[in-house]
Amino acid sequence: MRIIGIDPGFAIVGYGVVEYAGGRFTTVDYGAIRTATSLSFEQRLLEIHNDLGSLLDEYRPEIMSLEKIFFTTNQKTAIDVAQARGVISLCGITRSIKIAEFTPLQVKQAVTGYGKATKRQIQEMTARILALEAVPRPDDAADALAVAICCAHTNLSLLKR
């Protein structure tokens, strides 16, 4: 099963592509889509759409795993990230890719077994699970890989449908 994990944003969108078979992971690719602050917000959304669309066409995942947005203070940022998340979801939907969503708590529990794990603990465990020599960079890519791992570990019924 090929899964693409996404850490949504509008300045940086982290992505991580993994294969999951027989309880084992193989890392295919990871990185980040970055949009320039000099672009209008609409142009940034279009860039996310185009770049993510190219990644989806290249790697052809069967499922897209997204981290749910969790903001407590900055509503403007939350709205902007939510718009980017809509564009990201649309990229998957138009390619008939199943979409699964997970809260930060679900990701922490699935990757580390502990719902209050620190960001560093999640990143280190992600590297271990994927047998990587180092924690993936940028942090957004590491987060996206963790979301993909969460999907494989917790959402197998969706994967089988």
N, C-alpha and C. Protein backbone atom coordinates (compact mmCIF):
# COMPACT_ATOMS: atom_id res chain seq x y z
N MET A 1 0.84 -1.16 0.00
CA MET A 1 0.00 0.00 0.00
C MET A 1 0.90 1.24 0.00
N ARG A 2 0.67 2.13 -0.92
CA ARG A 2 1.43 3.37 -0.97
C ARG A 2 0.60 4.48 -0.34
N ILE A 3 1.20 5.16 0.64
CA ILE A 3 0.55 6.22 1.39
C ILE A 3 1.37 7.49 1.27
N ILE A 4 0.69 8.62 1.05
CA ILE A 4 1.35 9.91 1.15
C ILE A 4 0.80 10.62 2.38
N GLY A 5 1.69 10.97 3.27
CA GLY A 5 1.33 11.75 4.45
C GLY A 5 1.55 13.22 4.14
N ILE A 6 0.66 14.05 4.63
CA ILE A 6 0.75 15.49 4.38
C ILE A 6 0.65 16.25 5.69
N ASP A 7 1.59 17.17 5.90
CA ASP A 7 1.51 18.14 6.99
C ASP A 7 1.11 19.45 6.33
N PRO A 8 -0.18 19.82 6.41
CA PRO A 8 -0.67 20.96 5.64
C PRO A 8 -0.17 22.30 6.15
N GLY A 9 -0.05 23.21 5.22
CA GLY A 9 0.33 24.59 5.49
C GLY A 9 0.19 25.38 4.22
N PHE A 10 0.48 26.67 4.25
CA PHE A 10 0.47 27.43 3.00
C PHE A 10 1.85 27.99 2.69
N ALA A 11 2.71 28.11 3.69
CA ALA A 11 4.10 28.51 3.44
C ALA A 11 4.94 27.26 3.14
N ILE A 12 4.69 26.21 3.93
CA ILE A 12 5.38 24.93 3.76
C ILE A 12 4.37 23.81 3.91
N VAL A 13 4.36 22.93 2.92
CA VAL A 13 3.54 21.71 2.98
C VAL A 13 4.51 20.54 3.03
N GLY A 14 4.54 19.86 4.16
CA GLY A 14 5.40 18.68 4.26
C GLY A 14 4.72 17.49 3.62
N TYR A 15 5.52 16.64 2.97
CA TYR A 15 4.98 15.41 2.41
C TYR A 15 5.95 14.27 2.67
N GLY A 16 5.38 13.07 2.77
CA GLY A 16 6.18 11.88 2.94
C GLY A 16 5.46 10.71 2.30
N VAL A 17 6.15 10.00 1.42
CA VAL A 17 5.56 8.88 0.70
C VAL A 17 6.22 7.60 1.21
N VAL A 18 5.36 6.66 1.64
CA VAL A 18 5.86 5.37 2.14
C VAL A 18 5.09 4.23 1.51
N GLU A 19 5.75 3.09 1.44
CA GLU A 19 5.10 1.82 1.09
C GLU A 19 4.92 1.07 2.39
N TYR A 20 3.76 0.45 2.56
CA TYR A 20 3.50 -0.34 3.75
C TYR A 20 2.97 -1.69 3.32
N ALA A 21 3.73 -2.73 3.63
CA ALA A 21 3.33 -4.09 3.25
C ALA A 21 3.88 -5.06 4.28
N GLY A 22 3.06 -5.99 4.69
CA GLY A 22 3.49 -7.01 5.64
C GLY A 22 3.99 -6.44 6.95
N GLY A 23 3.42 -5.31 7.36
CA GLY A 23 3.85 -4.69 8.61
C GLY A 23 5.17 -3.96 8.53
N ARG A 24 5.70 -3.79 7.32
CA ARG A 24 7.00 -3.13 7.14
C ARG A 24 6.85 -1.89 6.27
N PHE A 25 7.68 -0.91 6.56
CA PHE A 25 7.68 0.35 5.82
C PHE A 25 8.90 0.45 4.92
N THR A 26 8.70 1.06 3.77
CA THR A 26 9.79 1.47 2.89
C THR A 26 9.55 2.94 2.58
N THR A 27 10.55 3.76 2.82
CA THR A 27 10.42 5.18 2.51
C THR A 27 10.67 5.38 1.02
N VAL A 28 9.72 6.04 0.36
CA VAL A 28 9.84 6.30 -1.07
C VAL A 28 10.45 7.68 -1.31
N ASP A 29 9.89 8.70 -0.64
CA ASP A 29 10.37 10.07 -0.81
C ASP A 29 9.77 10.93 0.29
N TYR A 30 10.41 12.03 0.57
CA TYR A 30 9.84 13.02 1.48
C TYR A 30 10.47 14.37 1.18
N GLY A 31 9.79 15.41 1.64
CA GLY A 31 10.29 16.77 1.41
C GLY A 31 9.22 17.78 1.74
N ALA A 32 9.35 18.94 1.12
CA ALA A 32 8.40 20.01 1.40
C ALA A 32 8.15 20.84 0.15
N ILE A 33 6.92 21.26 0.02
CA ILE A 33 6.54 22.24 -1.00
C ILE A 33 6.60 23.59 -0.29
N ARG A 34 7.39 24.49 -0.81
CA ARG A 34 7.53 25.83 -0.20
C ARG A 34 6.96 26.87 -1.16
N THR A 35 6.22 27.80 -0.60
CA THR A 35 5.68 28.89 -1.41
C THR A 35 6.32 30.20 -0.97
N ALA A 36 6.59 31.04 -1.93
CA ALA A 36 7.26 32.31 -1.66
C ALA A 36 6.31 33.32 -1.04
N THR A 37 6.81 34.03 -0.04
CA THR A 37 5.99 35.05 0.62
C THR A 37 5.69 36.22 -0.32
N SER A 38 6.46 36.34 -1.39
CA SER A 38 6.24 37.43 -2.34
C SER A 38 5.01 37.19 -3.23
N LEU A 39 4.52 35.96 -3.24
CA LEU A 39 3.33 35.63 -4.04
C LEU A 39 2.07 36.00 -3.28
N SER A 40 1.00 36.27 -4.04
CA SER A 40 -0.30 36.48 -3.40
C SER A 40 -0.75 35.15 -2.79
N PHE A 41 -1.67 35.23 -1.85
CA PHE A 41 -2.15 34.01 -1.21
C PHE A 41 -2.74 33.06 -2.24
N GLU A 42 -3.50 33.60 -3.19
CA GLU A 42 -4.11 32.77 -4.22
C GLU A 42 -3.04 32.08 -5.07
N GLN A 43 -1.96 32.81 -5.39
CA GLN A 43 -0.87 32.21 -6.17
C GLN A 43 -0.18 31.11 -5.37
N ARG A 44 -0.08 31.29 -4.06
CA ARG A 44 0.52 30.27 -3.21
C ARG A 44 -0.33 29.00 -3.23
N LEU A 45 -1.65 29.18 -3.15
CA LEU A 45 -2.54 28.02 -3.22
C LEU A 45 -2.40 27.30 -4.55
N LEU A 46 -2.30 28.06 -5.63
CA LEU A 46 -2.13 27.46 -6.95
C LEU A 46 -0.81 26.70 -7.03
N GLU A 47 0.24 27.25 -6.46
CA GLU A 47 1.54 26.57 -6.46
C GLU A 47 1.46 25.24 -5.68
N ILE A 48 0.78 25.26 -4.54
CA ILE A 48 0.58 24.03 -3.77
C ILE A 48 -0.17 23.02 -4.62
N HIS A 49 -1.24 23.47 -5.26
CA HIS A 49 -2.04 22.60 -6.13
C HIS A 49 -1.18 21.96 -7.22
N ASN A 50 -0.43 22.77 -7.90
CA ASN A 50 0.38 22.27 -9.02
C ASN A 50 1.50 21.34 -8.56
N ASP A 51 2.22 21.74 -7.51
CA ASP A 51 3.35 20.93 -7.04
C ASP A 51 2.87 19.62 -6.43
N LEU A 52 1.82 19.68 -5.61
CA LEU A 52 1.30 18.45 -5.02
C LEU A 52 0.70 17.55 -6.09
N GLY A 53 0.02 18.15 -7.06
CA GLY A 53 -0.53 17.36 -8.16
C GLY A 53 0.55 16.59 -8.90
N SER A 54 1.69 17.23 -9.11
CA SER A 54 2.82 16.56 -9.77
C SER A 54 3.33 15.40 -8.93
N LEU A 55 3.42 15.61 -7.61
CA LEU A 55 3.87 14.52 -6.72
C LEU A 55 2.89 13.35 -6.74
N LEU A 56 1.60 13.66 -6.69
CA LEU A 56 0.58 12.60 -6.71
C LEU A 56 0.62 11.84 -8.03
N ASP A 57 0.82 12.55 -9.12
CA ASP A 57 0.91 11.89 -10.42
C ASP A 57 2.15 11.02 -10.53
N GLU A 58 3.24 11.47 -9.93
CA GLU A 58 4.49 10.70 -9.97
C GLU A 58 4.44 9.46 -9.09
N TYR A 59 3.98 9.61 -7.85
CA TYR A 59 4.04 8.51 -6.88
C TYR A 59 2.77 7.67 -6.80
N ARG A 60 1.66 8.18 -7.28
CA ARG A 60 0.40 7.45 -7.36
C ARG A 60 0.02 6.72 -6.07
N PRO A 61 -0.10 7.47 -4.96
CA PRO A 61 -0.49 6.82 -3.71
C PRO A 61 -1.93 6.34 -3.75
N GLU A 62 -2.20 5.34 -2.95
CA GLU A 62 -3.57 4.83 -2.85
C GLU A 62 -4.36 5.58 -1.80
N ILE A 63 -3.65 6.19 -0.86
CA ILE A 63 -4.32 6.94 0.20
C ILE A 63 -3.49 8.17 0.58
N MET A 64 -4.19 9.24 0.89
CA MET A 64 -3.57 10.47 1.36
C MET A 64 -3.96 10.64 2.83
N SER A 65 -2.97 10.78 3.66
CA SER A 65 -3.17 10.93 5.10
C SER A 65 -2.85 12.36 5.50
N LEU A 66 -3.83 13.05 6.06
CA LEU A 66 -3.67 14.46 6.43
C LEU A 66 -3.75 14.65 7.93
N GLU A 67 -2.91 15.55 8.43
CA GLU A 67 -3.05 15.92 9.83
C GLU A 67 -4.14 16.98 9.94
N LYS A 68 -5.03 16.79 10.91
CA LYS A 68 -6.08 17.77 11.15
C LYS A 68 -5.47 19.04 11.73
N ILE A 69 -6.10 20.15 11.42
CA ILE A 69 -5.61 21.45 11.88
C ILE A 69 -6.00 21.64 13.34
N PHE A 70 -5.04 22.11 14.12
CA PHE A 70 -5.30 22.39 15.53
C PHE A 70 -4.64 23.72 15.88
N PHE A 71 -5.45 24.77 16.01
CA PHE A 71 -4.95 26.09 16.37
C PHE A 71 -5.75 26.61 17.55
N THR A 72 -5.07 27.22 18.49
CA THR A 72 -5.78 27.77 19.64
C THR A 72 -5.72 29.29 19.68
N THR A 73 -4.78 29.90 18.98
CA THR A 73 -4.63 31.34 19.14
C THR A 73 -4.87 32.13 17.85
N ASN A 74 -4.18 31.84 16.78
CA ASN A 74 -4.21 32.68 15.59
C ASN A 74 -5.26 32.19 14.59
N GLN A 75 -6.44 32.81 14.63
CA GLN A 75 -7.53 32.37 13.75
C GLN A 75 -7.24 32.67 12.29
N LYS A 76 -6.55 33.77 11.99
CA LYS A 76 -6.22 34.09 10.59
C LYS A 76 -5.35 33.00 10.00
N THR A 77 -4.34 32.58 10.73
CA THR A 77 -3.47 31.50 10.25
C THR A 77 -4.26 30.22 10.07
N ALA A 78 -5.14 29.92 11.01
CA ALA A 78 -5.95 28.70 10.92
C ALA A 78 -6.82 28.72 9.67
N ILE A 79 -7.40 29.86 9.35
CA ILE A 79 -8.24 29.96 8.16
C ILE A 79 -7.41 29.78 6.90
N ASP A 80 -6.23 30.38 6.86
CA ASP A 80 -5.36 30.24 5.69
C ASP A 80 -4.89 28.79 5.52
N VAL A 81 -4.51 28.15 6.62
CA VAL A 81 -4.09 26.75 6.54
C VAL A 81 -5.27 25.87 6.13
N ALA A 82 -6.46 26.20 6.62
CA ALA A 82 -7.66 25.44 6.24
C ALA A 82 -7.91 25.55 4.74
N GLN A 83 -7.69 26.73 4.18
CA GLN A 83 -7.86 26.89 2.73
C GLN A 83 -6.83 26.05 1.97
N ALA A 84 -5.61 26.06 2.44
CA ALA A 84 -4.56 25.24 1.80
C ALA A 84 -4.92 23.76 1.93
N ARG A 85 -5.45 23.39 3.07
CA ARG A 85 -5.85 22.00 3.30
C ARG A 85 -6.96 21.60 2.33
N GLY A 86 -7.85 22.52 2.04
CA GLY A 86 -8.90 22.25 1.05
C GLY A 86 -8.31 21.99 -0.33
N VAL A 87 -7.34 22.78 -0.72
CA VAL A 87 -6.66 22.59 -2.00
C VAL A 87 -5.96 21.23 -2.02
N ILE A 88 -5.31 20.90 -0.92
CA ILE A 88 -4.60 19.62 -0.81
C ILE A 88 -5.59 18.46 -0.95
N SER A 89 -6.70 18.55 -0.23
CA SER A 89 -7.73 17.49 -0.32
C SER A 89 -8.27 17.37 -1.73
N LEU A 90 -8.51 18.49 -2.37
CA LEU A 90 -9.03 18.49 -3.73
C LEU A 90 -8.06 17.80 -4.69
N CYS A 91 -6.78 18.02 -4.49
CA CYS A 91 -5.77 17.34 -5.33
C CYS A 91 -5.94 15.83 -5.23
N GLY A 92 -6.17 15.33 -4.04
CA GLY A 92 -6.35 13.89 -3.87
C GLY A 92 -7.67 13.40 -4.41
N ILE A 93 -8.74 14.12 -4.10
CA ILE A 93 -10.08 13.71 -4.51
C ILE A 93 -10.20 13.63 -6.03
N THR A 94 -9.63 14.60 -6.73
CA THR A 94 -9.73 14.61 -8.19
C THR A 94 -8.93 13.48 -8.83
N ARG A 95 -8.07 12.84 -8.05
CA ARG A 95 -7.30 11.69 -8.55
C ARG A 95 -7.81 10.37 -7.95
N SER A 96 -8.98 10.43 -7.33
CA SER A 96 -9.61 9.25 -6.72
C SER A 96 -8.74 8.60 -5.65
N ILE A 97 -8.01 9.42 -4.91
CA ILE A 97 -7.19 8.95 -3.81
C ILE A 97 -8.02 9.03 -2.54
N LYS A 98 -8.06 7.95 -1.77
CA LYS A 98 -8.76 7.96 -0.50
C LYS A 98 -8.05 8.91 0.45
N ILE A 99 -8.84 9.58 1.29
CA ILE A 99 -8.27 10.54 2.22
C ILE A 99 -8.61 10.13 3.65
N ALA A 100 -7.60 10.12 4.50
CA ALA A 100 -7.77 9.83 5.92
C ALA A 100 -7.23 11.02 6.71
N GLU A 101 -7.90 11.36 7.80
CA GLU A 101 -7.50 12.50 8.61
C GLU A 101 -7.21 12.05 10.04
N PHE A 102 -6.18 12.64 10.63
CA PHE A 102 -5.78 12.28 11.98
C PHE A 102 -5.45 13.52 12.80
N THR A 103 -5.81 13.47 14.07
CA THR A 103 -5.47 14.55 14.99
C THR A 103 -4.01 14.40 15.41
N PRO A 104 -3.42 15.49 15.89
CA PRO A 104 -2.05 15.37 16.41
C PRO A 104 -1.93 14.30 17.50
N LEU A 105 -2.95 14.18 18.35
CA LEU A 105 -2.93 13.16 19.40
C LEU A 105 -2.89 11.75 18.81
N GLN A 106 -3.68 11.51 17.78
CA GLN A 106 -3.68 10.19 17.13
C GLN A 106 -2.31 9.88 16.53
N VAL A 107 -1.68 10.88 15.93
CA VAL A 107 -0.36 10.67 15.32
C VAL A 107 0.65 10.32 16.42
N LYS A 108 0.64 11.08 17.51
CA LYS A 108 1.56 10.81 18.61
C LYS A 108 1.38 9.40 19.14
N GLN A 109 0.14 9.00 19.37
CA GLN A 109 -0.12 7.66 19.92
C GLN A 109 0.30 6.56 18.95
N ALA A 110 0.02 6.76 17.66
CA ALA A 110 0.34 5.72 16.68
C ALA A 110 1.84 5.57 16.47
N VAL A 111 2.58 6.66 16.56
CA VAL A 111 4.02 6.62 16.28
C VAL A 111 4.83 6.28 17.52
N THR A 112 4.45 6.85 18.67
CA THR A 112 5.26 6.65 19.87
C THR A 112 4.57 5.81 20.95
N GLY A 113 3.26 5.65 20.83
CA GLY A 113 2.52 4.94 21.87
C GLY A 113 2.18 5.83 23.05
N TYR A 114 2.48 7.13 22.94
CA TYR A 114 2.27 8.06 24.05
C TYR A 114 1.67 9.35 23.50
N GLY A 115 0.48 9.69 23.95
CA GLY A 115 -0.24 10.85 23.43
C GLY A 115 0.34 12.20 23.77
N LYS A 116 1.28 12.24 24.72
CA LYS A 116 1.90 13.51 25.10
C LYS A 116 3.36 13.57 24.67
N ALA A 117 3.72 12.78 23.67
CA ALA A 117 5.10 12.76 23.18
C ALA A 117 5.48 14.13 22.64
N THR A 118 6.76 14.46 22.77
CA THR A 118 7.25 15.72 22.24
C THR A 118 7.47 15.60 20.73
N LYS A 119 7.59 16.73 20.10
CA LYS A 119 7.86 16.75 18.65
C LYS A 119 9.14 15.98 18.35
N ARG A 120 10.16 16.17 19.16
CA ARG A 120 11.45 15.49 18.96
C ARG A 120 11.29 13.97 19.10
N GLN A 121 10.51 13.53 20.09
CA GLN A 121 10.29 12.09 20.27
C GLN A 121 9.59 11.49 19.06
N ILE A 122 8.62 12.21 18.52
CA ILE A 122 7.90 11.72 17.34
C ILE A 122 8.85 11.63 16.15
N GLN A 123 9.67 12.65 15.97
CA GLN A 123 10.60 12.66 14.84
C GLN A 123 11.62 11.53 14.96
N GLU A 124 12.15 11.31 16.15
CA GLU A 124 13.13 10.25 16.34
C GLU A 124 12.51 8.87 16.12
N MET A 125 11.29 8.68 16.60
CA MET A 125 10.63 7.40 16.41
C MET A 125 10.28 7.19 14.94
N THR A 126 9.90 8.25 14.26
CA THR A 126 9.62 8.16 12.81
C THR A 126 10.86 7.67 12.08
N ALA A 127 12.01 8.24 12.40
CA ALA A 127 13.26 7.82 11.77
C ALA A 127 13.55 6.35 12.06
N ARG A 128 13.30 5.92 13.29
CA ARG A 128 13.53 4.50 13.66
C ARG A 128 12.59 3.57 12.90
N ILE A 129 11.31 3.91 12.90
CA ILE A 129 10.32 3.06 12.23
C ILE A 129 10.66 2.91 10.75
N LEU A 130 11.13 3.99 10.14
CA LEU A 130 11.43 3.98 8.70
C LEU A 130 12.88 3.58 8.40
N ALA A 131 13.64 3.25 9.45
CA ALA A 131 15.05 2.85 9.31
C ALA A 131 15.86 3.91 8.57
N LEU A 132 15.64 5.17 8.92
CA LEU A 132 16.40 6.27 8.33
C LEU A 132 17.60 6.57 9.21
N GLU A 133 18.67 7.02 8.61
CA GLU A 133 19.90 7.31 9.36
C GLU A 133 19.77 8.52 10.26
N ALA A 134 18.89 9.45 9.87
CA ALA A 134 18.71 10.68 10.64
C ALA A 134 17.24 11.09 10.58
N VAL A 135 16.89 12.00 11.47
CA VAL A 135 15.53 12.56 11.46
C VAL A 135 15.35 13.33 10.16
N PRO A 136 14.27 13.07 9.44
CA PRO A 136 14.04 13.77 8.17
C PRO A 136 13.94 15.28 8.36
N ARG A 137 14.43 16.00 7.40
CA ARG A 137 14.37 17.46 7.38
C ARG A 137 13.69 17.89 6.10
N PRO A 138 12.94 18.95 6.07
CA PRO A 138 12.61 19.80 7.21
C PRO A 138 11.63 19.11 8.15
N ASP A 139 11.36 19.75 9.28
CA ASP A 139 10.45 19.19 10.28
C ASP A 139 9.09 18.85 9.67
N ASP A 140 8.65 19.64 8.71
CA ASP A 140 7.35 19.40 8.07
C ASP A 140 7.33 18.05 7.36
N ALA A 141 8.45 17.67 6.77
CA ALA A 141 8.54 16.36 6.11
C ALA A 141 8.50 15.24 7.14
N ALA A 142 9.20 15.42 8.26
CA ALA A 142 9.17 14.42 9.33
C ALA A 142 7.75 14.26 9.86
N ASP A 143 7.05 15.38 10.02
CA ASP A 143 5.66 15.34 10.49
C ASP A 143 4.78 14.60 9.49
N ALA A 144 5.00 14.84 8.21
CA ALA A 144 4.20 14.19 7.17
C ALA A 144 4.45 12.68 7.17
N LEU A 145 5.69 12.27 7.35
CA LEU A 145 6.00 10.84 7.43
C LEU A 145 5.32 10.21 8.64
N ALA A 146 5.28 10.94 9.76
CA ALA A 146 4.60 10.44 10.95
C ALA A 146 3.11 10.26 10.69
N VAL A 147 2.52 11.16 9.94
CA VAL A 147 1.09 11.05 9.60
C VAL A 147 0.86 9.82 8.72
N ALA A 148 1.77 9.55 7.81
CA ALA A 148 1.66 8.35 6.96
C ALA A 148 1.77 7.08 7.81
N ILE A 149 2.69 7.07 8.76
CA ILE A 149 2.84 5.92 9.66
C ILE A 149 1.56 5.73 10.47
N CYS A 150 1.02 6.82 10.97
CA CYS A 150 -0.23 6.77 11.73
C CYS A 150 -1.33 6.14 10.89
N CYS A 151 -1.42 6.54 9.66
CA CYS A 151 -2.45 6.00 8.76
C CYS A 151 -2.30 4.49 8.63
N ALA A 152 -1.10 4.05 8.40
CA ALA A 152 -0.86 2.61 8.23
C ALA A 152 -1.16 1.84 9.51
N HIS A 153 -0.80 2.40 10.65
CA HIS A 153 -0.98 1.70 11.93
C HIS A 153 -2.42 1.73 12.45
N THR A 154 -3.17 2.75 12.11
CA THR A 154 -4.48 2.91 12.75
C THR A 154 -5.67 2.85 11.82
N ASN A 155 -5.45 2.86 10.54
CA ASN A 155 -6.58 2.99 9.64
C ASN A 155 -6.61 1.87 8.60
N LEU A 156 -6.25 0.68 9.00
CA LEU A 156 -6.17 -0.43 8.05
C LEU A 156 -7.51 -0.75 7.41
N SER A 157 -8.61 -0.53 8.12
CA SER A 157 -9.92 -0.83 7.53
C SER A 157 -10.19 0.07 6.34
N LEU A 158 -9.78 1.34 6.42
CA LEU A 158 -9.94 2.24 5.28
C LEU A 158 -9.04 1.80 4.13
N LEU A 159 -7.83 1.35 4.44
CA LEU A 159 -6.91 0.91 3.41
C LEU A 159 -7.43 -0.30 2.65
N LYS A 160 -8.19 -1.17 3.33
CA LYS A 160 -8.69 -2.38 2.70
C LYS A 160 -9.93 -2.15 1.87
N ARG A 161 -10.62 -1.02 2.09
CA ARG A 161 -11.85 -0.76 1.33
C ARG A 161 -11.56 -0.41 -0.10
